[in-house]
Amino acid sequence: MPNIKSAKKRVLTSARKCNENTLVDSRMKNSIKKLERTIKEGNKEESEKVLNVTLRNIDKAENIGLIHKKNAARKKSRLTKSVNALK
């Protein structure tokens, strides 16, 4: 446990950021899984709704630095392509 005041603050800050990052990361991954399930079912309308939420979650993860911008672009492109392939 740190003794210096600024180090104590840093421990609290890093714990708070860790919780936020975990929340955003799990939200992103869960929405991707949900989208993949709806695509597998073949439900186009539901997939388009879930796609919007998923893209928003991926953008959020990218903006806070959780994933690289090219990784986010690749995920969004692949998911959008698979939704557009539905008939």
C-alpha atoms as a PDB file:
ATOM      1  CA  MET A   1       0.000   0.000   0.000  1.00  0.00           C
ATOM      2  CA  PRO A   2       1.449   3.372  -0.961  1.00  0.00           C
ATOM      3  CA  ASN A   3       2.308   5.959   1.681  1.00  0.00           C
ATOM      4  CA  ILE A   4       2.470   9.050  -0.507  1.00  0.00           C
ATOM      5  CA  LYS A   5      -0.802  10.922  -0.996  1.00  0.00           C
ATOM      6  CA  SER A   6      -0.544  11.150  -4.791  1.00  0.00           C
ATOM      7  CA  ALA A   7       0.232   7.431  -5.009  1.00  0.00           C
ATOM      8  CA  LYS A   8      -2.876   6.657  -2.942  1.00  0.00           C
ATOM      9  CA  LYS A   9      -4.960   8.770  -5.334  1.00  0.00           C
ATOM     10  CA  ARG A  10      -3.389   6.985  -8.277  1.00  0.00           C
ATOM     11  CA  VAL A  11      -4.413   3.583  -6.877  1.00  0.00           C
ATOM     12  CA  LEU A  12      -8.026   4.752  -6.578  1.00  0.00           C
ATOM     13  CA  THR A  13      -8.007   6.286 -10.052  1.00  0.00           C
ATOM     14  CA  SER A  14      -6.525   3.223 -11.698  1.00  0.00           C
ATOM     15  CA  ALA A  15      -9.060   0.971  -9.942  1.00  0.00           C
ATOM     16  CA  ARG A  16     -11.913   3.160 -11.194  1.00  0.00           C
ATOM     17  CA  LYS A  17     -10.554   3.130 -14.760  1.00  0.00           C
ATOM     18  CA  CYS A  18     -10.070  -0.640 -14.603  1.00  0.00           C
ATOM     19  CA  ASN A  19     -13.728  -1.092 -13.659  1.00  0.00           C
ATOM     20  CA  GLU A  20     -14.846   1.216 -16.467  1.00  0.00           C
ATOM     21  CA  ASN A  21     -12.644  -0.564 -19.021  1.00  0.00           C
ATOM     22  CA  THR A  22     -13.957  -3.955 -17.927  1.00  0.00           C
ATOM     23  CA  LEU A  23     -17.541  -2.728 -18.253  1.00  0.00           C
ATOM     24  CA  VAL A  24     -17.019  -1.273 -21.737  1.00  0.00           C
ATOM     25  CA  ASP A  25     -15.076  -4.332 -22.919  1.00  0.00           C
ATOM     26  CA  SER A  26     -17.683  -6.826 -21.723  1.00  0.00           C
ATOM     27  CA  ARG A  27     -20.512  -4.699 -23.147  1.00  0.00           C
ATOM     28  CA  MET A  28     -18.774  -4.644 -26.525  1.00  0.00           C
ATOM     29  CA  LYS A  29     -18.097  -8.387 -26.556  1.00  0.00           C
ATOM     30  CA  ASN A  30     -21.613  -9.275 -25.416  1.00  0.00           C
ATOM     31  CA  SER A  31     -23.203  -7.095 -28.084  1.00  0.00           C
ATOM     32  CA  ILE A  32     -21.000  -8.711 -30.754  1.00  0.00           C
ATOM     33  CA  LYS A  33     -22.083 -12.155 -29.567  1.00  0.00           C
ATOM     34  CA  LYS A  34     -25.732 -11.099 -29.578  1.00  0.00           C
ATOM     35  CA  LEU A  35     -25.373  -9.757 -33.116  1.00  0.00           C
ATOM     36  CA  GLU A  36     -23.745 -12.979 -34.297  1.00  0.00           C
ATOM     37  CA  ARG A  37     -26.642 -14.958 -32.777  1.00  0.00           C
ATOM     38  CA  THR A  38     -29.242 -12.847 -34.590  1.00  0.00           C
ATOM     39  CA  ILE A  39     -27.299 -13.193 -37.850  1.00  0.00           C
ATOM     40  CA  LYS A  40     -27.186 -16.958 -37.394  1.00  0.00           C
ATOM     41  CA  GLU A  41     -30.961 -16.989 -36.858  1.00  0.00           C
ATOM     42  CA  GLY A  42     -31.366 -15.033 -40.099  1.00  0.00           C
ATOM     43  CA  ASN A  43     -33.478 -12.235 -38.624  1.00  0.00           C
ATOM     44  CA  LYS A  44     -32.579  -9.174 -40.743  1.00  0.00           C
ATOM     45  CA  GLU A  45     -34.675  -6.533 -38.906  1.00  0.00           C
ATOM     46  CA  GLU A  46     -33.435  -7.577 -35.483  1.00  0.00           C
ATOM     47  CA  SER A  47     -29.859  -7.798 -36.773  1.00  0.00           C
ATOM     48  CA  GLU A  48     -29.980  -4.226 -38.055  1.00  0.00           C
ATOM     49  CA  LYS A  49     -31.203  -2.954 -34.674  1.00  0.00           C
ATOM     50  CA  VAL A  50     -28.528  -4.877 -32.797  1.00  0.00           C
ATOM     51  CA  LEU A  51     -25.904  -3.741 -35.326  1.00  0.00           C
ATOM     52  CA  ASN A  52     -26.457  -0.086 -34.407  1.00  0.00           C
ATOM     53  CA  VAL A  53     -25.957  -0.826 -30.716  1.00  0.00           C
ATOM     54  CA  THR A  54     -22.905  -2.964 -31.445  1.00  0.00           C
ATOM     55  CA  LEU A  55     -21.261  -0.297 -33.600  1.00  0.00           C
ATOM     56  CA  ARG A  56     -21.849   2.245 -30.839  1.00  0.00           C
ATOM     57  CA  ASN A  57     -20.215  -0.068 -28.277  1.00  0.00           C
ATOM     58  CA  ILE A  58     -17.218  -0.686 -30.550  1.00  0.00           C
ATOM     59  CA  ASP A  59     -16.801   3.076 -31.071  1.00  0.00           C
ATOM     60  CA  LYS A  60     -16.918   3.633 -27.308  1.00  0.00           C
ATOM     61  CA  ALA A  61     -14.186   1.029 -26.763  1.00  0.00           C
ATOM     62  CA  GLU A  62     -12.098   2.660 -29.488  1.00  0.00           C
ATOM     63  CA  ASN A  63     -12.541   6.184 -28.090  1.00  0.00           C
ATOM     64  CA  ILE A  64     -11.324   5.276 -24.619  1.00  0.00           C
ATOM     65  CA  GLY A  65      -8.349   3.412 -26.059  1.00  0.00           C
ATOM     66  CA  LEU A  66      -9.462  -0.097 -25.228  1.00  0.00           C
ATOM     67  CA  ILE A  67      -8.988  -1.327 -28.802  1.00  0.00           C
ATOM     68  CA  HIS A  68      -6.979   0.067 -31.694  1.00  0.00           C
ATOM     69  CA  LYS A  69      -8.825   2.136 -34.299  1.00  0.00           C
ATOM     70  CA  LYS A  70      -7.970  -0.281 -37.108  1.00  0.00           C
ATOM     71  CA  ASN A  71      -9.183  -3.203 -34.997  1.00  0.00           C
ATOM     72  CA  ALA A  72     -12.456  -1.355 -34.433  1.00  0.00           C
ATOM     73  CA  ALA A  73     -12.788  -0.573 -38.139  1.00  0.00           C
ATOM     74  CA  ARG A  74     -12.169  -4.221 -39.031  1.00  0.00           C
ATOM     75  CA  LYS A  75     -14.784  -5.456 -36.542  1.00  0.00           C
ATOM     76  CA  LYS A  76     -17.373  -2.933 -37.728  1.00  0.00           C
ATOM     77  CA  SER A  77     -16.714  -3.734 -41.376  1.00  0.00           C
ATOM     78  CA  ARG A  78     -17.038  -7.486 -40.935  1.00  0.00           C
ATOM     79  CA  LEU A  79     -20.193  -7.244 -38.837  1.00  0.00           C
ATOM     80  CA  THR A  80     -21.839  -4.797 -41.232  1.00  0.00           C
ATOM     81  CA  LYS A  81     -20.919  -6.984 -44.175  1.00  0.00           C
ATOM     82  CA  SER A  82     -22.460 -10.047 -42.562  1.00  0.00           C
ATOM     83  CA  VAL A  83     -25.699  -8.183 -41.734  1.00  0.00           C
ATOM     84  CA  ASN A  84     -25.927  -6.855 -45.297  1.00  0.00           C
ATOM     85  CA  ALA A  85     -25.491 -10.396 -46.631  1.00  0.00           C
ATOM     86  CA  LEU A  86     -28.767 -11.459 -44.974  1.00  0.00           C
ATOM     87  CA  LYS A  87     -31.837 -11.623 -47.199  1.00  0.00           C
END
